[in-house]
Amino acid sequence: MQAALSSGRTLQCACCQTEVLVCTPCDRGQRYCSAECRKQARLASQRRASRIYQSSRVGRCNHARRQQRLRLRQREQELPPKIVTHQGLPKKPVRVIYYHHSSM
C-alpha cells in the first residue's frame, strides 16, 4: 500500500492550489484536482477570452452587428426590446426584527 502511494506524481491544482498525488497509470498530464476545478478554470478562461475579444475592434463591430439584427427582428415581431446585458445577482432580503421596549 505504501509503495502505491509513493509512486506517482504530486501536482498542485492550477485552480485551488491543493496538492494531489496522481498514480502513474492514471497520470495524463492533469493540471486540476477535480472536475469542478477544471470547469471553473475553463469558465474563467472563456470569460478572459471574451473580454479581450469584445475590447478589440473586430469584436466591437461584430457585437454591434448582432445587436442590430436582434433589434430588427424585435421590430419585425413587434416585441418589446429586451435587455441583453448580464444581470447581477438579486439582492438578498434583509431580515429585520423590531423589538418594542416599554419602560414602565
PDB file of N, CA and C in Angstrom:
ATOM      1  N   MET A   1       0.824  -1.191   0.000  1.00  0.00           N
ATOM      2  CA  MET A   1       0.000   0.000   0.000  1.00  0.00           C
ATOM      3  C   MET A   1       0.874   1.262   0.000  1.00  0.00           C
ATOM      4  N   GLN A   2       1.914   1.261   0.839  1.00  0.00           N
ATOM      5  CA  GLN A   2       2.802   2.410   0.936  1.00  0.00           C
ATOM      6  C   GLN A   2       3.546   2.638  -0.367  1.00  0.00           C
ATOM      7  N   ALA A   3       3.917   1.549  -1.048  1.00  0.00           N
ATOM      8  CA  ALA A   3       4.632   1.673  -2.318  1.00  0.00           C
ATOM      9  C   ALA A   3       3.733   2.297  -3.374  1.00  0.00           C
ATOM     10  N   ALA A   4       2.444   1.937  -3.330  1.00  0.00           N
ATOM     11  CA  ALA A   4       1.497   2.505  -4.293  1.00  0.00           C
ATOM     12  C   ALA A   4       1.325   4.000  -4.067  1.00  0.00           C
ATOM     13  N   LEU A   5       1.342   4.452  -2.807  1.00  0.00           N
ATOM     14  CA  LEU A   5       1.192   5.866  -2.503  1.00  0.00           C
ATOM     15  C   LEU A   5       2.424   6.671  -2.879  1.00  0.00           C
ATOM     16  N   SER A   6       3.600   6.038  -2.795  1.00  0.00           N
ATOM     17  CA  SER A   6       4.820   6.783  -3.090  1.00  0.00           C
ATOM     18  C   SER A   6       5.110   6.862  -4.587  1.00  0.00           C
ATOM     19  N   SER A   7       4.530   5.952  -5.388  1.00  0.00           N
ATOM     20  CA  SER A   7       4.790   6.012  -6.830  1.00  0.00           C
ATOM     21  C   SER A   7       3.693   6.842  -7.483  1.00  0.00           C
ATOM     22  N   GLY A   8       4.093   7.851  -8.131  1.00  0.00           N
ATOM     23  CA  GLY A   8       3.140   8.740  -8.782  1.00  0.00           C
ATOM     24  C   GLY A   8       3.710  10.140  -8.858  1.00  0.00           C
ATOM     25  N   ARG A   9       2.869  11.042  -9.253  1.00  0.00           N
ATOM     26  CA  ARG A   9       3.309  12.423  -9.415  1.00  0.00           C
ATOM     27  C   ARG A   9       2.460  13.310  -8.513  1.00  0.00           C
ATOM     28  N   THR A  10       3.115  14.200  -7.805  1.00  0.00           N
ATOM     29  CA  THR A  10       2.413  15.172  -6.994  1.00  0.00           C
ATOM     30  C   THR A  10       2.193  16.412  -7.844  1.00  0.00           C
ATOM     31  N   LEU A  11       0.958  16.867  -7.879  1.00  0.00           N
ATOM     32  CA  LEU A  11       0.673  18.082  -8.635  1.00  0.00           C
ATOM     33  C   LEU A  11      -0.045  19.079  -7.740  1.00  0.00           C
ATOM     34  N   GLN A  12       0.138  20.319  -8.051  1.00  0.00           N
ATOM     35  CA  GLN A  12      -0.569  21.374  -7.340  1.00  0.00           C
ATOM     36  C   GLN A  12      -1.651  21.888  -8.295  1.00  0.00           C
ATOM     37  N   CYS A  13      -2.898  21.803  -7.837  1.00  0.00           N
ATOM     38  CA  CYS A  13      -4.034  22.185  -8.683  1.00  0.00           C
ATOM     39  C   CYS A  13      -3.866  23.635  -9.141  1.00  0.00           C
ATOM     40  N   ALA A  14      -4.032  23.858 -10.448  1.00  0.00           N
ATOM     41  CA  ALA A  14      -3.865  25.194 -11.013  1.00  0.00           C
ATOM     42  C   ALA A  14      -4.996  26.129 -10.608  1.00  0.00           C
ATOM     43  N   CYS A  15      -6.074  25.585 -10.051  1.00  0.00           N
ATOM     44  CA  CYS A  15      -7.217  26.407  -9.660  1.00  0.00           C
ATOM     45  C   CYS A  15      -7.221  26.687  -8.155  1.00  0.00           C
ATOM     46  N   CYS A  16      -7.228  25.629  -7.343  1.00  0.00           N
ATOM     47  CA  CYS A  16      -7.371  25.804  -5.887  1.00  0.00           C
ATOM     48  C   CYS A  16      -6.068  25.633  -5.115  1.00  0.00           C
ATOM     49  N   GLN A  17      -4.977  25.320  -5.794  1.00  0.00           N
ATOM     50  CA  GLN A  17      -3.636  25.169  -5.207  1.00  0.00           C
ATOM     51  C   GLN A  17      -3.521  23.986  -4.243  1.00  0.00           C
ATOM     52  N   THR A  18      -4.437  23.022  -4.288  1.00  0.00           N
ATOM     53  CA  THR A  18      -4.373  21.831  -3.447  1.00  0.00           C
ATOM     54  C   THR A  18      -3.355  20.861  -4.034  1.00  0.00           C
ATOM     55  N   GLU A  19      -2.552  20.226  -3.159  1.00  0.00           N
ATOM     56  CA  GLU A  19      -1.598  19.224  -3.632  1.00  0.00           C
ATOM     57  C   GLU A  19      -2.297  17.877  -3.726  1.00  0.00           C
ATOM     58  N   VAL A  20      -2.117  17.206  -4.866  1.00  0.00           N
ATOM     59  CA  VAL A  20      -2.769  15.929  -5.135  1.00  0.00           C
ATOM     60  C   VAL A  20      -1.723  14.957  -5.654  1.00  0.00           C
ATOM     61  N   LEU A  21      -1.838  13.698  -5.251  1.00  0.00           N
ATOM     62  CA  LEU A  21      -0.956  12.654  -5.746  1.00  0.00           C
ATOM     63  C   LEU A  21      -1.712  11.868  -6.804  1.00  0.00           C
ATOM     64  N   VAL A  22      -1.159  11.804  -8.017  1.00  0.00           N
ATOM     65  CA  VAL A  22      -1.767  11.060  -9.116  1.00  0.00           C
ATOM     66  C   VAL A  22      -0.884   9.852  -9.379  1.00  0.00           C
ATOM     67  N   CYS A  23      -1.506   8.662  -9.347  1.00  0.00           N
ATOM     68  CA  CYS A  23      -0.714   7.449  -9.571  1.00  0.00           C
ATOM     69  C   CYS A  23      -0.262   7.400 -11.034  1.00  0.00           C
ATOM     70  N   THR A  24       0.807   6.692 -11.284  1.00  0.00           N
ATOM     71  CA  THR A  24       1.416   6.639 -12.609  1.00  0.00           C
ATOM     72  C   THR A  24       0.457   6.152 -13.698  1.00  0.00           C
ATOM     73  N   PRO A  25      -0.313   5.065 -13.479  1.00  0.00           N
ATOM     74  CA  PRO A  25      -1.219   4.623 -14.550  1.00  0.00           C
ATOM     75  C   PRO A  25      -2.319   5.650 -14.878  1.00  0.00           C
ATOM     76  N   CYS A  26      -2.712   6.475 -13.897  1.00  0.00           N
ATOM     77  CA  CYS A  26      -3.784   7.453 -14.115  1.00  0.00           C
ATOM     78  C   CYS A  26      -3.264   8.807 -14.598  1.00  0.00           C
ATOM     79  N   ASP A  27      -1.958   8.996 -14.577  1.00  0.00           N
ATOM     80  CA  ASP A  27      -1.388  10.294 -14.919  1.00  0.00           C
ATOM     81  C   ASP A  27      -1.512  10.574 -16.412  1.00  0.00           C
ATOM     82  N   ARG A  28      -2.256  11.603 -16.743  1.00  0.00           N
ATOM     83  CA  ARG A  28      -2.438  12.020 -18.137  1.00  0.00           C
ATOM     84  C   ARG A  28      -2.078  13.492 -18.314  1.00  0.00           C
ATOM     85  N   GLY A  29      -1.240  14.002 -17.427  1.00  0.00           N
ATOM     86  CA  GLY A  29      -0.828  15.396 -17.521  1.00  0.00           C
ATOM     87  C   GLY A  29      -1.857  16.350 -16.941  1.00  0.00           C
ATOM     88  N   GLN A  30      -2.618  15.892 -15.944  1.00  0.00           N
ATOM     89  CA  GLN A  30      -3.649  16.717 -15.334  1.00  0.00           C
ATOM     90  C   GLN A  30      -3.057  17.973 -14.702  1.00  0.00           C
ATOM     91  N   ARG A  31      -3.864  19.027 -14.668  1.00  0.00           N
ATOM     92  CA  ARG A  31      -3.465  20.268 -14.006  1.00  0.00           C
ATOM     93  C   ARG A  31      -4.411  20.604 -12.867  1.00  0.00           C
ATOM     94  N   TYR A  32      -5.543  19.895 -12.782  1.00  0.00           N
ATOM     95  CA  TYR A  32      -6.580  20.217 -11.803  1.00  0.00           C
ATOM     96  C   TYR A  32      -6.887  19.002 -10.943  1.00  0.00           C
ATOM     97  N   CYS A  33      -7.303  19.259  -9.710  1.00  0.00           N
ATOM     98  CA  CYS A  33      -7.549  18.168  -8.769  1.00  0.00           C
ATOM     99  C   CYS A  33      -8.909  17.517  -8.979  1.00  0.00           C
ATOM    100  N   SER A  34      -9.857  18.220  -9.582  1.00  0.00           N
ATOM    101  CA  SER A  34     -11.198  17.656  -9.749  1.00  0.00           C
ATOM    102  C   SER A  34     -11.864  18.231 -10.994  1.00  0.00           C
ATOM    103  N   ALA A  35     -12.982  17.627 -11.346  1.00  0.00           N
ATOM    104  CA  ALA A  35     -13.754  18.117 -12.489  1.00  0.00           C
ATOM    105  C   ALA A  35     -14.300  19.515 -12.205  1.00  0.00           C
ATOM    106  N   GLU A  36     -14.641  19.794 -10.966  1.00  0.00           N
ATOM    107  CA  GLU A  36     -15.173  21.115 -10.605  1.00  0.00           C
ATOM    108  C   GLU A  36     -14.115  22.198 -10.796  1.00  0.00           C
ATOM    109  N   CYS A  37     -12.881  21.935 -10.376  1.00  0.00           N
ATOM    110  CA  CYS A  37     -11.799  22.911 -10.583  1.00  0.00           C
ATOM    111  C   CYS A  37     -11.534  23.106 -12.074  1.00  0.00           C
ATOM    112  N   ARG A  38     -11.563  22.020 -12.837  1.00  0.00           N
ATOM    113  CA  ARG A  38     -11.359  22.113 -14.282  1.00  0.00           C
ATOM    114  C   ARG A  38     -12.459  22.964 -14.918  1.00  0.00           C
ATOM    115  N   LYS A  39     -13.690  22.777 -14.475  1.00  0.00           N
ATOM    116  CA  LYS A  39     -14.829  23.532 -15.002  1.00  0.00           C
ATOM    117  C   LYS A  39     -14.701  25.025 -14.664  1.00  0.00           C
ATOM    118  N   GLN A  40     -14.317  25.333 -13.431  1.00  0.00           N
ATOM    119  CA  GLN A  40     -14.145  26.738 -13.020  1.00  0.00           C
ATOM    120  C   GLN A  40     -13.028  27.411 -13.811  1.00  0.00           C
ATOM    121  N   ALA A  41     -11.928  26.704 -14.003  1.00  0.00           N
ATOM    122  CA  ALA A  41     -10.805  27.278 -14.749  1.00  0.00           C
ATOM    123  C   ALA A  41     -11.189  27.517 -16.204  1.00  0.00           C
ATOM    124  N   ARG A  42     -11.948  26.593 -16.799  1.00  0.00           N
ATOM    125  CA  ARG A  42     -12.390  26.748 -18.187  1.00  0.00           C
ATOM    126  C   ARG A  42     -13.313  27.953 -18.316  1.00  0.00           C
ATOM    127  N   LEU A  43     -14.231  28.117 -17.383  1.00  0.00           N
ATOM    128  CA  LEU A  43     -15.149  29.251 -17.394  1.00  0.00           C
ATOM    129  C   LEU A  43     -14.388  30.570 -17.270  1.00  0.00           C
ATOM    130  N   ALA A  44     -13.406  30.626 -16.378  1.00  0.00           N
ATOM    131  CA  ALA A  44     -12.596  31.835 -16.211  1.00  0.00           C
ATOM    132  C   ALA A  44     -11.812  32.140 -17.489  1.00  0.00           C
ATOM    133  N   SER A  45     -11.291  31.088 -18.134  1.00  0.00           N
ATOM    134  CA  SER A  45     -10.548  31.279 -19.379  1.00  0.00           C
ATOM    135  C   SER A  45     -11.457  31.806 -20.484  1.00  0.00           C
ATOM    136  N   GLN A  46     -12.666  31.289 -20.569  1.00  0.00           N
ATOM    137  CA  GLN A  46     -13.616  31.759 -21.582  1.00  0.00           C
ATOM    138  C   GLN A  46     -13.997  33.219 -21.335  1.00  0.00           C
ATOM    139  N   ARG A  47     -14.186  33.586 -20.077  1.00  0.00           N
ATOM    140  CA  ARG A  47     -14.523  34.978 -19.749  1.00  0.00           C
ATOM    141  C   ARG A  47     -13.391  35.924 -20.128  1.00  0.00           C
ATOM    142  N   ARG A  48     -12.142  35.496 -19.833  1.00  0.00           N
ATOM    143  CA  ARG A  48     -10.984  36.318 -20.200  1.00  0.00           C
ATOM    144  C   ARG A  48     -10.921  36.512 -21.710  1.00  0.00           C
ATOM    145  N   ALA A  49     -11.081  35.426 -22.448  1.00  0.00           N
ATOM    146  CA  ALA A  49     -11.019  35.500 -23.909  1.00  0.00           C
ATOM    147  C   ALA A  49     -12.142  36.369 -24.461  1.00  0.00           C
ATOM    148  N   SER A  50     -13.327  36.252 -23.885  1.00  0.00           N
ATOM    149  CA  SER A  50     -14.471  37.053 -24.326  1.00  0.00           C
ATOM    150  C   SER A  50     -14.224  38.542 -24.076  1.00  0.00           C
ATOM    151  N   ARG A  51     -13.664  38.849 -22.916  1.00  0.00           N
ATOM    152  CA  ARG A  51     -13.370  40.246 -22.571  1.00  0.00           C
ATOM    153  C   ARG A  51     -12.341  40.829 -23.540  1.00  0.00           C
ATOM    154  N   ILE A  52     -11.320  40.055 -23.856  1.00  0.00           N
ATOM    155  CA  ILE A  52     -10.287  40.523 -24.790  1.00  0.00           C
ATOM    156  C   ILE A  52     -10.890  40.722 -26.177  1.00  0.00           C
ATOM    157  N   TYR A  53     -11.693  39.756 -26.627  1.00  0.00           N
ATOM    158  CA  TYR A  53     -12.303  39.845 -27.956  1.00  0.00           C
ATOM    159  C   TYR A  53     -13.258  41.038 -28.037  1.00  0.00           C
ATOM    160  N   GLN A  54     -14.084  41.226 -27.015  1.00  0.00           N
ATOM    161  CA  GLN A  54     -15.048  42.327 -27.037  1.00  0.00           C
ATOM    162  C   GLN A  54     -14.360  43.687 -26.999  1.00  0.00           C
ATOM    163  N   SER A  55     -13.153  43.742 -26.476  1.00  0.00           N
ATOM    164  CA  SER A  55     -12.447  45.029 -26.432  1.00  0.00           C
ATOM    165  C   SER A  55     -11.703  45.326 -27.735  1.00  0.00           C
ATOM    166  N   SER A  56     -11.626  44.338 -28.634  1.00  0.00           N
ATOM    167  CA  SER A  56     -10.956  44.570 -29.917  1.00  0.00           C
ATOM    168  C   SER A  56     -11.929  45.235 -30.895  1.00  0.00           C
ATOM    169  N   ARG A  57     -11.387  45.825 -31.920  1.00  0.00           N
ATOM    170  CA  ARG A  57     -12.225  46.495 -32.932  1.00  0.00           C
ATOM    171  C   ARG A  57     -13.163  45.502 -33.622  1.00  0.00           C
ATOM    172  N   VAL A  58     -12.639  44.342 -34.010  1.00  0.00           N
ATOM    173  CA  VAL A  58     -13.459  43.321 -34.670  1.00  0.00           C
ATOM    174  C   VAL A  58     -14.585  42.860 -33.748  1.00  0.00           C
ATOM    175  N   GLY A  59     -14.262  42.627 -32.480  1.00  0.00           N
ATOM    176  CA  GLY A  59     -15.271  42.182 -31.514  1.00  0.00           C
ATOM    177  C   GLY A  59     -16.367  43.212 -31.326  1.00  0.00           C
ATOM    178  N   ARG A  60     -15.986  44.485 -31.223  1.00  0.00           N
ATOM    179  CA  ARG A  60     -16.994  45.547 -31.063  1.00  0.00           C
ATOM    180  C   ARG A  60     -17.891  45.640 -32.285  1.00  0.00           C
ATOM    181  N   CYS A  61     -17.301  45.540 -33.484  1.00  0.00           N
ATOM    182  CA  CYS A  61     -18.092  45.614 -34.722  1.00  0.00           C
ATOM    183  C   CYS A  61     -19.049  44.433 -34.837  1.00  0.00           C
ATOM    184  N   ASN A  62     -18.571  43.234 -34.541  1.00  0.00           N
ATOM    185  CA  ASN A  62     -19.447  42.062 -34.599  1.00  0.00           C
ATOM    186  C   ASN A  62     -20.566  42.145 -33.577  1.00  0.00           C
ATOM    187  N   HIS A  63     -20.267  42.640 -32.393  1.00  0.00           N
ATOM    188  CA  HIS A  63     -21.289  42.808 -31.358  1.00  0.00           C
ATOM    189  C   HIS A  63     -22.349  43.807 -31.821  1.00  0.00           C
ATOM    190  N   ALA A  64     -21.928  44.915 -32.386  1.00  0.00           N
ATOM    191  CA  ALA A  64     -22.870  45.927 -32.879  1.00  0.00           C
ATOM    192  C   ALA A  64     -23.744  45.347 -33.985  1.00  0.00           C
ATOM    193  N   ARG A  65     -23.142  44.552 -34.871  1.00  0.00           N
ATOM    194  CA  ARG A  65     -23.906  43.926 -35.964  1.00  0.00           C
ATOM    195  C   ARG A  65     -24.958  42.953 -35.409  1.00  0.00           C
ATOM    196  N   ARG A  66     -24.575  42.141 -34.414  1.00  0.00           N
ATOM    197  CA  ARG A  66     -25.529  41.220 -33.791  1.00  0.00           C
ATOM    198  C   ARG A  66     -26.672  41.974 -33.132  1.00  0.00           C
ATOM    199  N   GLN A  67     -26.347  43.067 -32.459  1.00  0.00           N
ATOM    200  CA  GLN A  67     -27.386  43.853 -31.788  1.00  0.00           C
ATOM    201  C   GLN A  67     -28.339  44.476 -32.806  1.00  0.00           C
ATOM    202  N   GLN A  68     -27.817  44.933 -33.926  1.00  0.00           N
ATOM    203  CA  GLN A  68     -28.679  45.498 -34.969  1.00  0.00           C
ATOM    204  C   GLN A  68     -29.642  44.445 -35.504  1.00  0.00           C
ATOM    205  N   ARG A  69     -29.134  43.239 -35.744  1.00  0.00           N
ATOM    206  CA  ARG A  69     -30.009  42.164 -36.239  1.00  0.00           C
ATOM    207  C   ARG A  69     -31.064  41.803 -35.207  1.00  0.00           C
ATOM    208  N   LEU A  70     -30.681  41.764 -33.931  1.00  0.00           N
ATOM    209  CA  LEU A  70     -31.627  41.455 -32.867  1.00  0.00           C
ATOM    210  C   LEU A  70     -32.734  42.509 -32.804  1.00  0.00           C
ATOM    211  N   ARG A  71     -32.352  43.767 -32.834  1.00  0.00           N
ATOM    212  CA  ARG A  71     -33.355  44.835 -32.764  1.00  0.00           C
ATOM    213  C   ARG A  71     -34.270  44.831 -33.985  1.00  0.00           C
ATOM    214  N   LEU A  72     -33.723  44.501 -35.150  1.00  0.00           N
ATOM    215  CA  LEU A  72     -34.530  44.404 -36.357  1.00  0.00           C
ATOM    216  C   LEU A  72     -35.569  43.281 -36.222  1.00  0.00           C
ATOM    217  N   ARG A  73     -35.122  42.125 -35.710  1.00  0.00           N
ATOM    218  CA  ARG A  73     -36.071  41.013 -35.502  1.00  0.00           C
ATOM    219  C   ARG A  73     -37.147  41.399 -34.505  1.00  0.00           C
ATOM    220  N   GLN A  74     -36.776  42.102 -33.447  1.00  0.00           N
ATOM    221  CA  GLN A  74     -37.758  42.508 -32.441  1.00  0.00           C
ATOM    222  C   GLN A  74     -38.773  43.479 -33.037  1.00  0.00           C
ATOM    223  N   ARG A  75     -38.298  44.403 -33.880  1.00  0.00           N
ATOM    224  CA  ARG A  75     -39.230  45.344 -34.522  1.00  0.00           C
ATOM    225  C   ARG A  75     -40.173  44.611 -35.467  1.00  0.00           C
ATOM    226  N   GLU A  76     -39.643  43.621 -36.201  1.00  0.00           N
ATOM    227  CA  GLU A  76     -40.472  42.855 -37.127  1.00  0.00           C
ATOM    228  C   GLU A  76     -41.534  42.047 -36.387  1.00  0.00           C
ATOM    229  N   GLN A  77     -41.191  41.546 -35.217  1.00  0.00           N
ATOM    230  CA  GLN A  77     -42.134  40.748 -34.435  1.00  0.00           C
ATOM    231  C   GLN A  77     -42.966  41.616 -33.496  1.00  0.00           C
ATOM    232  N   GLU A  78     -42.692  42.908 -33.486  1.00  0.00           N
ATOM    233  CA  GLU A  78     -43.373  43.870 -32.615  1.00  0.00           C
ATOM    234  C   GLU A  78     -43.289  43.461 -31.143  1.00  0.00           C
ATOM    235  N   LEU A  79     -42.115  43.002 -30.747  1.00  0.00           N
ATOM    236  CA  LEU A  79     -41.874  42.645 -29.361  1.00  0.00           C
ATOM    237  C   LEU A  79     -41.187  43.804 -28.664  1.00  0.00           C
ATOM    238  N   PRO A  80     -41.406  43.949 -27.371  1.00  0.00           N
ATOM    239  CA  PRO A  80     -40.665  44.987 -26.655  1.00  0.00           C
ATOM    240  C   PRO A  80     -39.185  44.640 -26.628  1.00  0.00           C
ATOM    241  N   PRO A  81     -38.309  45.628 -26.681  1.00  0.00           N
ATOM    242  CA  PRO A  81     -36.860  45.337 -26.678  1.00  0.00           C
ATOM    243  C   PRO A  81     -36.440  44.665 -25.374  1.00  0.00           C
ATOM    244  N   LYS A  82     -35.535  43.707 -25.503  1.00  0.00           N
ATOM    245  CA  LYS A  82     -35.010  43.007 -24.338  1.00  0.00           C
ATOM    246  C   LYS A  82     -33.700  43.646 -23.911  1.00  0.00           C
ATOM    247  N   ILE A  83     -33.423  43.569 -22.624  1.00  0.00           N
ATOM    248  CA  ILE A  83     -32.125  43.989 -22.117  1.00  0.00           C
ATOM    249  C   ILE A  83     -31.189  42.808 -22.348  1.00  0.00           C
ATOM    250  N   VAL A  84     -30.099  43.024 -23.062  1.00  0.00           N
ATOM    251  CA  VAL A  84     -29.233  41.919 -23.456  1.00  0.00           C
ATOM    252  C   VAL A  84     -27.902  41.913 -22.714  1.00  0.00           C
ATOM    253  N   THR A  85     -27.832  42.601 -21.602  1.00  0.00           N
ATOM    254  CA  THR A  85     -26.597  42.596 -20.825  1.00  0.00           C
ATOM    255  C   THR A  85     -26.713  41.586 -19.691  1.00  0.00           C
ATOM    256  N   HIS A  86     -25.593  41.238 -19.105  1.00  0.00           N
ATOM    257  CA  HIS A  86     -25.601  40.341 -17.953  1.00  0.00           C
ATOM    258  C   HIS A  86     -26.231  41.066 -16.775  1.00  0.00           C
ATOM    259  N   GLN A  87     -27.020  40.346 -16.029  1.00  0.00           N
ATOM    260  CA  GLN A  87     -27.661  40.912 -14.854  1.00  0.00           C
ATOM    261  C   GLN A  87     -26.909  40.455 -13.610  1.00  0.00           C
ATOM    262  N   GLY A  88     -26.887  41.290 -12.610  1.00  0.00           N
ATOM    263  CA  GLY A  88     -26.238  40.931 -11.363  1.00  0.00           C
ATOM    264  C   GLY A  88     -27.096  39.982 -10.557  1.00  0.00           C
ATOM    265  N   LEU A  89     -26.543  39.484  -9.471  1.00  0.00           N
ATOM    266  CA  LEU A  89     -27.300  38.603  -8.596  1.00  0.00           C
ATOM    267  C   LEU A  89     -28.365  39.403  -7.856  1.00  0.00           C
ATOM    268  N   PRO A  90     -29.516  38.789  -7.584  1.00  0.00           N
ATOM    269  CA  PRO A  90     -30.540  39.510  -6.838  1.00  0.00           C
ATOM    270  C   PRO A  90     -30.056  39.779  -5.417  1.00  0.00           C
ATOM    271  N   LYS A  91     -30.451  40.907  -4.891  1.00  0.00           N
ATOM    272  CA  LYS A  91     -30.054  41.247  -3.532  1.00  0.00           C
ATOM    273  C   LYS A  91     -30.855  40.403  -2.559  1.00  0.00           C
ATOM    274  N   LYS A  92     -30.173  39.936  -1.530  1.00  0.00           N
ATOM    275  CA  LYS A  92     -30.853  39.131  -0.527  1.00  0.00           C
ATOM    276  C   LYS A  92     -31.725  40.050   0.321  1.00  0.00           C
ATOM    277  N   PRO A  93     -32.934  39.614   0.654  1.00  0.00           N
ATOM    278  CA  PRO A  93     -33.764  40.443   1.513  1.00  0.00           C
ATOM    279  C   PRO A  93     -33.150  40.522   2.909  1.00  0.00           C
ATOM    280  N   VAL A  94     -33.231  41.672   3.473  1.00  0.00           N
ATOM    281  CA  VAL A  94     -32.685  41.883   4.806  1.00  0.00           C
ATOM    282  C   VAL A  94     -33.789  41.591   5.815  1.00  0.00           C
ATOM    283  N   ARG A  95     -33.485  40.741   6.743  1.00  0.00           N
ATOM    284  CA  ARG A  95     -34.468  40.381   7.760  1.00  0.00           C
ATOM    285  C   ARG A  95     -34.240  41.275   8.971  1.00  0.00           C
ATOM    286  N   VAL A  96     -35.249  42.039   9.303  1.00  0.00           N
ATOM    287  CA  VAL A  96     -35.147  42.965  10.424  1.00  0.00           C
ATOM    288  C   VAL A  96     -36.202  42.585  11.450  1.00  0.00           C
ATOM    289  N   ILE A  97     -35.788  42.491  12.688  1.00  0.00           N
ATOM    290  CA  ILE A  97     -36.722  42.185  13.765  1.00  0.00           C
ATOM    291  C   ILE A  97     -36.770  43.405  14.680  1.00  0.00           C
ATOM    292  N   TYR A  98     -37.974  43.926  14.894  1.00  0.00           N
ATOM    293  CA  TYR A  98     -38.166  45.085  15.746  1.00  0.00           C
ATOM    294  C   TYR A  98     -38.616  44.638  17.122  1.00  0.00           C
ATOM    295  N   TYR A  99     -37.989  45.186  18.114  1.00  0.00           N
ATOM    296  CA  TYR A  99     -38.395  44.931  19.490  1.00  0.00           C
ATOM    297  C   TYR A  99     -38.882  46.251  20.074  1.00  0.00           C
ATOM    298  N   HIS A 100     -40.014  46.192  20.712  1.00  0.00           N
ATOM    299  CA  HIS A 100     -40.533  47.387  21.359  1.00  0.00           C
ATOM    300  C   HIS A 100     -40.255  47.264  22.835  1.00  0.00           C
ATOM    301  N   HIS A 101     -39.518  48.209  23.348  1.00  0.00           N
ATOM    302  CA  HIS A 101     -39.161  48.195  24.767  1.00  0.00           C
ATOM    303  C   HIS A 101     -39.975  49.279  25.450  1.00  0.00           C
ATOM    304  N   SER A 102     -40.832  48.848  26.327  1.00  0.00           N
ATOM    305  CA  SER A 102     -41.625  49.846  27.069  1.00  0.00           C
ATOM    306  C   SER A 102     -41.047  49.991  28.470  1.00  0.00           C
ATOM    307  N   SER A 103     -40.895  51.202  28.882  1.00  0.00           N
ATOM    308  CA  SER A 103     -40.330  51.441  30.218  1.00  0.00           C
ATOM    309  C   SER A 103     -41.492  51.783  31.162  1.00  0.00           C
ATOM    310  N   MET A 104     -41.889  50.813  31.947  1.00  0.00           N
ATOM    311  CA  MET A 104     -42.961  51.011  32.938  1.00  0.00           C
ATOM    312  C   MET A 104     -42.494  50.684  34.305  1.00  0.00           C
TER     313      MET A 104
END
